[in-house]
Amino acid sequence: MRIMIINGPNLNMLGIREPHIYGSTTLDAIKAACEELAAFAGATLAFHQSNHEGVIVDLIQSARKDADAIIINPAGFSFTSIAIFDALKIFEGPIFEVHISNIHARDELHRHSKLSAAVKAVIAGLGPYGYIVAMQAALQGAGKLPAALPPAVRVGPK
């Protein structure tokens, strides 16, 4: 399983930027945790961050040949980017949108992601753990969660 994680603008400043909203965990710490889960699951992981919309569009387009699933935290582009929305619609695999904060409980400017209509699921408000949940969902959907995990994690309720 090949997973591509794409992070949008200002996420390189996690741990410094508005810790009362986003916490003190850095993007490097999130990357390390995601790499650990990928290694455990036998998956490959490409982890990216860009402050530039066009770079994110290029990454999404490259995922058509380089990834089986996308996890994207579009950050500020969630609320503005038609270009990213259109690129996501071209990707044929599952896409999981992650938000560290609960965007639905935020101010009006940060409440509605334009990108959510192009993704399989949205994970919001779990903090940095949302990335791990998104990876689990991508792996579970592909039947790639390790057998060492209990059925409740691998399969879920029946």
Protein backbone atom coordinates (compact mmCIF):
# COMPACT_ATOMS: atom_id res chain seq x y z
CA MET A 1 0.00 0.00 0.00
CA ARG A 2 1.34 3.40 -1.00
CA ILE A 3 0.06 6.37 1.00
CA MET A 4 0.76 9.99 0.17
CA ILE A 5 0.24 12.58 2.90
CA ILE A 6 0.03 16.18 1.72
CA ASN A 7 0.10 19.12 4.14
CA GLY A 8 -0.86 22.63 3.15
CA PRO A 9 0.25 26.11 4.09
CA ASN A 10 1.60 27.00 7.52
CA LEU A 11 1.58 23.41 8.75
CA ASN A 12 5.38 23.60 8.76
CA MET A 13 4.83 25.99 11.68
CA LEU A 14 2.93 23.50 13.86
CA GLY A 15 4.08 23.67 17.45
CA ILE A 16 4.63 27.42 17.11
CA ARG A 17 1.50 28.65 15.34
CA GLU A 18 -1.57 29.14 17.54
CA PRO A 19 -0.83 26.32 19.99
CA HIS A 20 -4.18 27.02 21.71
CA ILE A 21 -5.83 25.71 18.51
CA TYR A 22 -3.29 23.31 17.01
CA GLY A 23 -1.32 22.15 20.07
CA SER A 24 2.42 21.88 20.50
CA THR A 25 3.10 18.85 18.28
CA THR A 26 5.36 19.62 15.32
CA LEU A 27 4.91 18.41 11.76
CA ASP A 28 8.16 16.45 12.14
CA ALA A 29 6.62 14.57 15.09
CA ILE A 30 3.51 13.81 13.04
CA LYS A 31 5.69 12.59 10.18
CA ALA A 32 7.65 10.30 12.53
CA ALA A 33 4.45 8.76 13.93
CA CYS A 34 3.06 8.22 10.42
CA GLU A 35 6.33 6.61 9.31
CA GLU A 36 6.18 4.29 12.32
CA LEU A 37 2.65 3.17 11.45
CA ALA A 38 3.57 2.75 7.77
CA ALA A 39 6.55 0.56 8.70
CA PHE A 40 4.37 -1.54 11.03
CA ALA A 41 1.78 -2.02 8.30
CA GLY A 42 4.30 -2.70 5.53
CA ALA A 43 3.15 0.40 3.65
CA THR A 44 5.22 3.01 1.89
CA LEU A 45 4.71 6.63 2.85
CA ALA A 46 5.41 9.85 1.01
CA PHE A 47 5.00 12.83 3.35
CA HIS A 48 4.91 16.35 1.91
CA GLN A 49 4.25 19.93 2.98
CA SER A 50 3.97 23.02 0.82
CA ASN A 51 2.84 26.58 1.26
CA HIS A 52 2.16 26.79 -2.50
CA GLU A 53 -1.12 25.79 -4.10
CA GLY A 54 0.43 24.74 -7.43
CA VAL A 55 2.91 22.42 -5.70
CA ILE A 56 0.00 20.74 -3.90
CA VAL A 57 -1.86 20.32 -7.21
CA ASP A 58 1.30 18.78 -8.71
CA LEU A 59 1.59 16.36 -5.78
CA ILE A 60 -2.04 15.28 -6.12
CA GLN A 61 -1.55 14.73 -9.84
CA SER A 62 1.63 12.70 -9.22
CA ALA A 63 -0.30 10.53 -6.76
CA ARG A 64 -2.22 9.06 -9.72
CA LYS A 65 0.85 6.93 -10.41
CA ASP A 66 2.67 7.06 -7.06
CA ALA A 67 -0.03 6.37 -4.43
CA ASP A 68 -2.98 4.15 -3.65
CA ALA A 69 -4.51 6.63 -1.18
CA ILE A 70 -4.10 10.32 -0.33
CA ILE A 71 -4.36 11.89 3.08
CA ILE A 72 -4.52 15.65 2.82
CA ASN A 73 -4.54 18.40 5.40
CA PRO A 74 -5.15 21.30 3.04
CA ALA A 75 -5.02 23.86 5.88
CA GLY A 76 -6.04 27.32 4.62
CA PHE A 77 -6.60 26.01 1.09
CA SER A 78 -9.56 24.01 2.46
CA PHE A 79 -11.68 27.11 2.30
CA THR A 80 -10.51 28.62 -0.98
CA SER A 81 -8.97 26.26 -3.52
CA ILE A 82 -10.95 25.21 -6.55
CA ALA A 83 -7.67 24.10 -8.18
CA ILE A 84 -6.99 21.58 -5.40
CA PHE A 85 -10.65 20.48 -5.47
CA ASP A 86 -10.41 19.77 -9.21
CA ALA A 87 -7.11 17.89 -8.79
CA LEU A 88 -8.58 15.72 -6.02
CA LYS A 89 -11.50 14.76 -8.28
CA ILE A 90 -9.02 13.32 -10.79
CA PHE A 91 -7.44 10.92 -8.26
CA GLU A 92 -9.07 7.49 -8.48
CA GLY A 93 -8.19 6.13 -5.03
CA PRO A 94 -9.58 7.04 -1.62
CA ILE A 95 -8.82 10.48 -0.21
CA PHE A 96 -9.03 11.36 3.47
CA GLU A 97 -9.16 15.01 4.53
CA VAL A 98 -7.61 15.71 7.93
CA HIS A 99 -7.99 18.78 10.12
CA ILE A 100 -6.20 19.03 13.44
CA SER A 101 -8.89 21.30 14.85
CA ASN A 102 -12.64 20.75 14.69
CA ILE A 103 -13.32 23.13 11.83
CA HIS A 104 -17.08 22.83 12.44
CA ALA A 105 -16.66 24.52 15.82
CA ARG A 106 -14.47 27.33 14.49
CA ASP A 107 -15.32 30.80 13.23
CA GLU A 108 -17.31 31.20 10.03
CA LEU A 109 -14.16 31.67 7.90
CA HIS A 110 -12.77 28.28 9.01
CA ARG A 111 -15.98 26.28 9.18
CA HIS A 112 -16.65 24.89 5.70
CA SER A 113 -14.09 23.06 3.57
CA LYS A 114 -14.71 23.34 -0.15
CA LEU A 115 -12.63 20.18 -0.60
CA SER A 116 -14.77 17.83 1.48
CA ALA A 117 -17.07 17.07 -1.47
CA ALA A 118 -14.11 15.45 -3.29
CA VAL A 119 -12.99 13.10 -0.49
CA LYS A 120 -14.09 9.77 0.98
CA ALA A 121 -14.02 10.96 4.59
CA VAL A 122 -13.16 13.95 6.77
CA ILE A 123 -11.39 13.56 10.09
CA ALA A 124 -11.50 16.74 12.17
CA GLY A 125 -10.79 17.65 15.75
CA LEU A 126 -8.64 14.68 16.79
CA GLY A 127 -5.48 16.75 16.86
CA PRO A 128 -2.37 15.17 15.34
CA TYR A 129 -3.85 11.71 16.00
CA GLY A 130 -6.20 12.41 13.09
CA TYR A 131 -3.35 11.51 10.73
CA ILE A 132 -3.04 8.08 12.36
CA VAL A 133 -6.79 7.52 12.13
CA ALA A 134 -6.70 8.50 8.45
CA MET A 135 -3.86 6.06 7.80
CA GLN A 136 -5.78 3.31 9.60
CA ALA A 137 -8.85 4.06 7.48
CA ALA A 138 -6.83 3.96 4.26
CA LEU A 139 -5.14 0.69 5.24
CA GLN A 140 -8.39 -0.87 6.48
CA GLY A 141 -10.22 0.06 3.29
CA ALA A 142 -7.55 -1.71 1.26
CA GLY A 143 -7.53 -4.75 3.54
CA LYS A 144 -3.93 -3.96 4.50
CA LEU A 145 -4.08 -3.61 8.27
CA PRO A 146 -1.69 -6.11 9.88
CA ALA A 147 -3.17 -9.36 11.17
CA ALA A 148 -1.44 -8.63 14.50
CA LEU A 149 -4.15 -6.07 15.21
CA PRO A 150 -7.35 -7.25 16.87
CA PRO A 151 -10.39 -7.78 14.62
CA ALA A 152 -12.10 -4.76 16.16
CA VAL A 153 -9.34 -2.60 14.67
CA ARG A 154 -8.80 -4.53 11.43
CA VAL A 155 -12.44 -5.15 10.53
CA GLY A 156 -14.53 -3.00 12.83
CA PRO A 157 -18.06 -3.84 13.94
CA LYS A 158 -19.95 -6.40 11.88
